[in-house]
């Protein structure tokens, strides 16, 4: 099996109150999360963030962070354990906020082609 770096990607989303996909690892690829940041873009109120891994091979969701408060107009890296996480093809990083569109998430990812 050969592995070669194939792409540097940013994935981002305005989080809603439903757990939704932020990044999906493509077929024939493994990916490493290099940076993860959540920002509260609401000027008045704190909001909670939850971030999860959907493991495609197990068909299950596992949380990295669950209902962590992010102060108004603040940024937070509650995802320290997520940085360096390895995703296989079909795995997803998913996010959710306690208030729709109050939180943004940005991931920086390195993708590696697997052949």
N, C-alpha and C. Protein backbone atom coordinates (compact mmCIF):
# COMPACT_ATOMS: atom_id res chain seq x y z
N UNK A 1 0.85 -1.17 0.00
CA UNK A 1 0.00 0.00 0.00
C UNK A 1 0.89 1.23 0.00
N UNK A 2 0.58 2.18 -0.89
CA UNK A 2 1.32 3.43 -0.97
C UNK A 2 0.45 4.56 -0.45
N UNK A 3 1.09 5.49 0.29
CA UNK A 3 0.39 6.65 0.81
C UNK A 3 1.18 7.88 0.42
N UNK A 4 0.50 8.87 -0.18
CA UNK A 4 1.15 10.11 -0.60
C UNK A 4 0.24 11.29 -0.28
N UNK A 5 0.86 12.38 0.23
CA UNK A 5 0.06 13.56 0.51
C UNK A 5 -0.55 14.05 -0.79
N UNK A 6 -1.87 14.31 -0.77
CA UNK A 6 -2.52 14.72 -2.00
C UNK A 6 -3.19 16.08 -1.92
N UNK A 7 -3.55 16.54 -0.71
CA UNK A 7 -4.25 17.82 -0.65
C UNK A 7 -4.23 18.40 0.76
N UNK A 8 -4.22 19.72 0.82
CA UNK A 8 -4.44 20.45 2.06
C UNK A 8 -5.82 21.08 1.92
N UNK A 9 -6.67 20.87 2.90
CA UNK A 9 -8.05 21.34 2.80
C UNK A 9 -8.47 22.10 4.04
N UNK A 10 -9.37 23.04 3.85
CA UNK A 10 -10.10 23.67 4.94
C UNK A 10 -11.55 23.28 4.79
N UNK A 11 -12.17 22.94 5.89
CA UNK A 11 -13.60 22.64 5.90
C UNK A 11 -14.23 23.54 6.96
N UNK A 12 -15.37 24.12 6.63
CA UNK A 12 -15.99 25.03 7.58
C UNK A 12 -17.50 24.93 7.48
N UNK A 13 -18.17 25.39 8.54
CA UNK A 13 -19.63 25.36 8.55
C UNK A 13 -20.17 26.35 9.58
N UNK A 14 -21.36 26.85 9.30
CA UNK A 14 -22.16 27.57 10.29
C UNK A 14 -22.97 26.46 10.96
N UNK A 15 -22.73 26.22 12.23
CA UNK A 15 -23.38 25.11 12.90
C UNK A 15 -24.84 25.41 13.21
N UNK A 16 -25.67 24.40 13.11
CA UNK A 16 -27.09 24.51 13.43
C UNK A 16 -27.40 23.64 14.64
N UNK A 17 -28.67 23.52 14.97
CA UNK A 17 -29.06 22.74 16.14
C UNK A 17 -29.18 21.25 15.84
N UNK A 18 -28.87 20.85 14.62
CA UNK A 18 -28.83 19.43 14.25
C UNK A 18 -27.38 19.03 14.00
N UNK A 19 -27.02 17.83 14.43
CA UNK A 19 -25.67 17.32 14.17
C UNK A 19 -25.52 17.17 12.66
N UNK A 20 -24.54 17.87 12.08
CA UNK A 20 -24.38 17.90 10.62
C UNK A 20 -22.92 17.70 10.23
N UNK A 21 -22.71 17.20 9.02
CA UNK A 21 -21.36 16.96 8.51
C UNK A 21 -20.62 18.26 8.27
N UNK A 22 -19.37 18.30 8.73
CA UNK A 22 -18.47 19.42 8.46
C UNK A 22 -17.42 18.99 7.44
N UNK A 23 -16.93 17.76 7.58
CA UNK A 23 -15.90 17.23 6.67
C UNK A 23 -16.12 15.74 6.53
N UNK A 24 -15.99 15.24 5.30
CA UNK A 24 -16.07 13.81 5.01
C UNK A 24 -14.79 13.40 4.30
N UNK A 25 -14.13 12.38 4.81
CA UNK A 25 -12.91 11.88 4.18
C UNK A 25 -13.27 11.15 2.88
N UNK A 26 -12.68 11.56 1.75
CA UNK A 26 -13.03 10.95 0.46
C UNK A 26 -12.58 9.49 0.35
N UNK A 27 -13.11 8.81 -0.66
CA UNK A 27 -12.72 7.43 -0.97
C UNK A 27 -11.22 7.38 -1.29
N UNK A 28 -10.59 6.26 -1.01
CA UNK A 28 -9.17 6.02 -1.28
C UNK A 28 -8.27 7.07 -0.64
N UNK A 29 -8.67 7.55 0.53
CA UNK A 29 -7.96 8.63 1.21
C UNK A 29 -7.97 8.39 2.70
N UNK A 30 -6.90 8.80 3.37
CA UNK A 30 -6.91 8.97 4.82
C UNK A 30 -6.63 10.45 5.06
N UNK A 31 -7.14 10.98 6.16
CA UNK A 31 -6.98 12.40 6.44
C UNK A 31 -6.55 12.59 7.88
N UNK A 32 -5.77 13.64 8.12
CA UNK A 32 -5.33 14.00 9.47
C UNK A 32 -5.81 15.42 9.75
N UNK A 33 -6.51 15.59 10.87
CA UNK A 33 -6.96 16.91 11.29
C UNK A 33 -5.76 17.65 11.89
N UNK A 34 -5.42 18.81 11.33
CA UNK A 34 -4.28 19.58 11.80
C UNK A 34 -4.69 20.74 12.70
N UNK A 35 -5.90 21.25 12.52
CA UNK A 35 -6.36 22.38 13.32
C UNK A 35 -7.88 22.34 13.38
N UNK A 36 -8.41 22.69 14.53
CA UNK A 36 -9.87 22.77 14.70
C UNK A 36 -10.18 23.96 15.60
N UNK A 37 -11.09 24.81 15.16
CA UNK A 37 -11.42 26.03 15.89
C UNK A 37 -12.92 26.27 15.79
N UNK A 38 -13.52 26.68 16.91
CA UNK A 38 -14.92 27.08 16.93
C UNK A 38 -14.97 28.54 17.34
N UNK A 39 -15.79 29.34 16.67
CA UNK A 39 -15.95 30.75 17.02
C UNK A 39 -17.43 31.05 17.23
N UNK A 40 -17.70 31.81 18.28
CA UNK A 40 -19.06 32.27 18.53
C UNK A 40 -19.21 33.62 17.84
N UNK A 41 -20.03 33.67 16.81
CA UNK A 41 -20.19 34.88 16.02
C UNK A 41 -21.41 35.70 16.46
N UNK A 42 -22.09 35.23 17.49
CA UNK A 42 -23.21 35.98 18.08
C UNK A 42 -22.63 36.99 19.05
N UNK A 43 -23.02 38.23 18.95
CA UNK A 43 -22.44 39.26 19.80
C UNK A 43 -23.01 39.35 21.20
N UNK A 44 -24.02 38.55 21.49
CA UNK A 44 -24.72 38.75 22.76
C UNK A 44 -24.74 37.57 23.71
N UNK A 45 -24.69 36.36 23.20
CA UNK A 45 -24.92 35.21 24.09
C UNK A 45 -23.94 34.08 23.84
N UNK A 46 -23.65 33.33 24.89
CA UNK A 46 -22.87 32.11 24.76
C UNK A 46 -23.70 31.05 24.05
N UNK A 47 -23.02 30.07 23.46
CA UNK A 47 -23.69 28.93 22.82
C UNK A 47 -22.83 27.70 23.08
N UNK A 48 -23.48 26.53 23.10
CA UNK A 48 -22.77 25.27 23.32
C UNK A 48 -22.44 24.60 22.00
N UNK A 49 -21.28 23.96 21.95
CA UNK A 49 -20.85 23.23 20.77
C UNK A 49 -20.65 21.76 21.11
N UNK A 50 -21.01 20.91 20.17
CA UNK A 50 -20.70 19.48 20.24
C UNK A 50 -20.03 19.10 18.92
N UNK A 51 -18.96 18.31 19.01
CA UNK A 51 -18.23 17.86 17.82
C UNK A 51 -18.03 16.36 17.93
N UNK A 52 -18.31 15.66 16.82
CA UNK A 52 -18.28 14.20 16.85
C UNK A 52 -17.58 13.63 15.63
N UNK A 53 -17.14 12.40 15.78
CA UNK A 53 -16.60 11.60 14.68
C UNK A 53 -17.65 10.56 14.30
N UNK A 54 -17.98 10.51 13.02
CA UNK A 54 -18.77 9.39 12.51
C UNK A 54 -17.78 8.40 11.94
N UNK A 55 -17.71 7.23 12.54
CA UNK A 55 -16.80 6.17 12.10
C UNK A 55 -17.56 5.29 11.10
N UNK A 56 -17.22 5.42 9.83
CA UNK A 56 -17.94 4.71 8.77
C UNK A 56 -17.84 3.19 8.91
N UNK A 57 -16.67 2.70 9.33
CA UNK A 57 -16.51 1.24 9.42
C UNK A 57 -17.34 0.65 10.56
N UNK A 58 -17.57 1.43 11.61
CA UNK A 58 -18.38 0.96 12.74
C UNK A 58 -19.84 1.41 12.62
N UNK A 59 -20.11 2.30 11.65
CA UNK A 59 -21.43 2.90 11.50
C UNK A 59 -21.93 3.46 12.83
N UNK A 60 -21.04 4.24 13.50
CA UNK A 60 -21.36 4.78 14.82
C UNK A 60 -20.76 6.18 14.96
N UNK A 61 -21.37 6.98 15.84
CA UNK A 61 -20.92 8.33 16.13
C UNK A 61 -20.33 8.38 17.52
N UNK A 62 -19.15 9.01 17.65
CA UNK A 62 -18.45 9.16 18.92
C UNK A 62 -18.10 10.63 19.11
N UNK A 63 -18.34 11.16 20.30
CA UNK A 63 -18.14 12.59 20.55
C UNK A 63 -16.72 12.90 21.02
N UNK A 64 -16.13 13.94 20.41
CA UNK A 64 -14.88 14.52 20.90
C UNK A 64 -15.18 15.55 21.97
N UNK A 65 -16.26 16.30 21.79
CA UNK A 65 -16.67 17.35 22.72
C UNK A 65 -18.19 17.39 22.73
N UNK A 66 -18.76 17.57 23.90
CA UNK A 66 -20.23 17.55 24.02
C UNK A 66 -20.68 18.73 24.88
N UNK A 67 -21.50 19.58 24.30
CA UNK A 67 -22.10 20.76 24.95
C UNK A 67 -21.09 21.59 25.74
N UNK A 68 -20.03 22.02 25.06
CA UNK A 68 -19.04 22.91 25.66
C UNK A 68 -19.43 24.35 25.34
N UNK A 69 -19.49 25.19 26.35
CA UNK A 69 -19.91 26.57 26.18
C UNK A 69 -18.83 27.41 25.51
N UNK A 70 -19.25 28.21 24.54
CA UNK A 70 -18.37 29.17 23.87
C UNK A 70 -18.96 30.55 24.12
N UNK A 71 -18.21 31.41 24.79
CA UNK A 71 -18.69 32.75 25.14
C UNK A 71 -18.98 33.58 23.89
N UNK A 72 -19.85 34.57 24.02
CA UNK A 72 -20.16 35.48 22.91
C UNK A 72 -18.88 36.15 22.42
N UNK A 73 -18.76 36.25 21.09
CA UNK A 73 -17.61 36.89 20.44
C UNK A 73 -16.27 36.27 20.83
N UNK A 74 -16.28 34.99 21.14
CA UNK A 74 -15.04 34.31 21.55
C UNK A 74 -14.74 33.13 20.64
N UNK A 75 -13.48 32.74 20.62
CA UNK A 75 -13.05 31.55 19.91
C UNK A 75 -12.64 30.51 20.93
N UNK A 76 -12.74 29.26 20.53
CA UNK A 76 -12.43 28.17 21.45
C UNK A 76 -11.84 27.01 20.68
N UNK A 77 -10.81 26.41 21.24
CA UNK A 77 -10.27 25.19 20.67
C UNK A 77 -10.55 24.06 21.66
N UNK A 78 -11.81 23.66 21.78
CA UNK A 78 -12.15 22.60 22.72
C UNK A 78 -11.79 21.23 22.15
N UNK A 79 -11.17 21.24 21.00
CA UNK A 79 -10.98 20.02 20.25
C UNK A 79 -9.55 19.55 20.27
N UNK A 80 -8.83 19.82 21.35
CA UNK A 80 -7.43 19.44 21.44
C UNK A 80 -7.18 17.99 21.11
N UNK A 81 -8.06 17.12 21.56
CA UNK A 81 -7.88 15.70 21.27
C UNK A 81 -8.22 15.36 19.83
N UNK A 82 -8.92 16.26 19.16
CA UNK A 82 -9.27 16.04 17.76
C UNK A 82 -8.08 16.32 16.85
N UNK A 83 -7.23 17.28 17.21
CA UNK A 83 -6.08 17.61 16.39
C UNK A 83 -5.16 16.39 16.34
N UNK A 84 -4.83 15.97 15.13
CA UNK A 84 -4.03 14.78 14.94
C UNK A 84 -4.87 13.54 14.70
N UNK A 85 -6.19 13.66 14.81
CA UNK A 85 -7.07 12.52 14.57
C UNK A 85 -6.93 12.05 13.13
N UNK A 86 -6.95 10.75 12.95
CA UNK A 86 -6.84 10.15 11.61
C UNK A 86 -8.21 9.65 11.19
N UNK A 87 -8.63 10.05 10.01
CA UNK A 87 -9.91 9.62 9.46
C UNK A 87 -9.65 8.72 8.28
N UNK A 88 -10.46 7.69 8.16
CA UNK A 88 -10.41 6.79 7.01
C UNK A 88 -11.52 7.17 6.04
N UNK A 89 -11.47 6.62 4.84
CA UNK A 89 -12.48 6.91 3.83
C UNK A 89 -13.88 6.74 4.40
N UNK A 90 -14.71 7.75 4.20
CA UNK A 90 -16.09 7.70 4.66
C UNK A 90 -16.32 8.24 6.06
N UNK A 91 -15.25 8.36 6.85
CA UNK A 91 -15.39 8.94 8.20
C UNK A 91 -15.74 10.42 8.07
N UNK A 92 -16.44 10.94 9.09
CA UNK A 92 -16.89 12.33 9.04
C UNK A 92 -16.64 13.02 10.36
N UNK A 93 -16.35 14.31 10.29
CA UNK A 93 -16.39 15.18 11.47
C UNK A 93 -17.72 15.91 11.38
N UNK A 94 -18.48 15.86 12.48
CA UNK A 94 -19.81 16.45 12.51
C UNK A 94 -19.89 17.48 13.63
N UNK A 95 -20.72 18.49 13.49
CA UNK A 95 -20.83 19.52 14.50
C UNK A 95 -22.27 19.93 14.75
N UNK A 96 -22.49 20.51 15.94
CA UNK A 96 -23.81 20.97 16.34
C UNK A 96 -23.68 22.12 17.32
N UNK A 97 -24.60 23.06 17.26
CA UNK A 97 -24.63 24.19 18.20
C UNK A 97 -25.96 24.20 18.94
N UNK A 98 -25.96 24.83 20.10
CA UNK A 98 -27.21 24.95 20.85
C UNK A 98 -28.12 26.03 20.27
N UNK A 99 -27.55 26.93 19.46
CA UNK A 99 -28.33 27.98 18.80
C UNK A 99 -27.88 28.06 17.34
N UNK A 100 -28.80 27.96 16.43
CA UNK A 100 -28.47 27.94 15.00
C UNK A 100 -27.71 29.18 14.56
N UNK A 101 -26.64 28.95 13.81
CA UNK A 101 -25.82 30.00 13.19
C UNK A 101 -25.08 30.90 14.17
N UNK A 102 -25.03 30.53 15.46
CA UNK A 102 -24.24 31.30 16.43
C UNK A 102 -22.78 30.87 16.44
N UNK A 103 -22.50 29.64 16.00
CA UNK A 103 -21.13 29.11 16.04
C UNK A 103 -20.66 28.72 14.65
N UNK A 104 -19.42 29.07 14.35
CA UNK A 104 -18.74 28.62 13.13
C UNK A 104 -17.64 27.66 13.53
N UNK A 105 -17.39 26.67 12.68
CA UNK A 105 -16.28 25.74 12.91
C UNK A 105 -15.40 25.73 11.66
N UNK A 106 -14.09 25.67 11.89
CA UNK A 106 -13.12 25.58 10.80
C UNK A 106 -12.16 24.44 11.12
N UNK A 107 -11.96 23.56 10.16
CA UNK A 107 -10.99 22.47 10.27
C UNK A 107 -9.95 22.64 9.17
N UNK A 108 -8.70 22.39 9.50
CA UNK A 108 -7.63 22.29 8.51
C UNK A 108 -7.22 20.82 8.47
N UNK A 109 -7.21 20.28 7.26
CA UNK A 109 -7.03 18.84 7.09
C UNK A 109 -5.95 18.56 6.04
N UNK A 110 -5.14 17.55 6.30
CA UNK A 110 -4.22 17.04 5.28
C UNK A 110 -4.75 15.71 4.81
N UNK A 111 -4.96 15.60 3.49
CA UNK A 111 -5.45 14.35 2.90
C UNK A 111 -4.29 13.60 2.27
N UNK A 112 -4.33 12.29 2.40
CA UNK A 112 -3.31 11.42 1.83
C UNK A 112 -4.00 10.38 0.93
N UNK A 113 -3.57 10.32 -0.32
CA UNK A 113 -4.10 9.32 -1.23
C UNK A 113 -3.53 7.95 -0.86
N UNK A 114 -4.39 6.96 -0.86
CA UNK A 114 -4.00 5.59 -0.52
C UNK A 114 -4.22 4.73 -1.76
N UNK A 115 -3.17 4.01 -2.16
CA UNK A 115 -3.32 3.14 -3.34
C UNK A 115 -2.74 1.77 -3.06
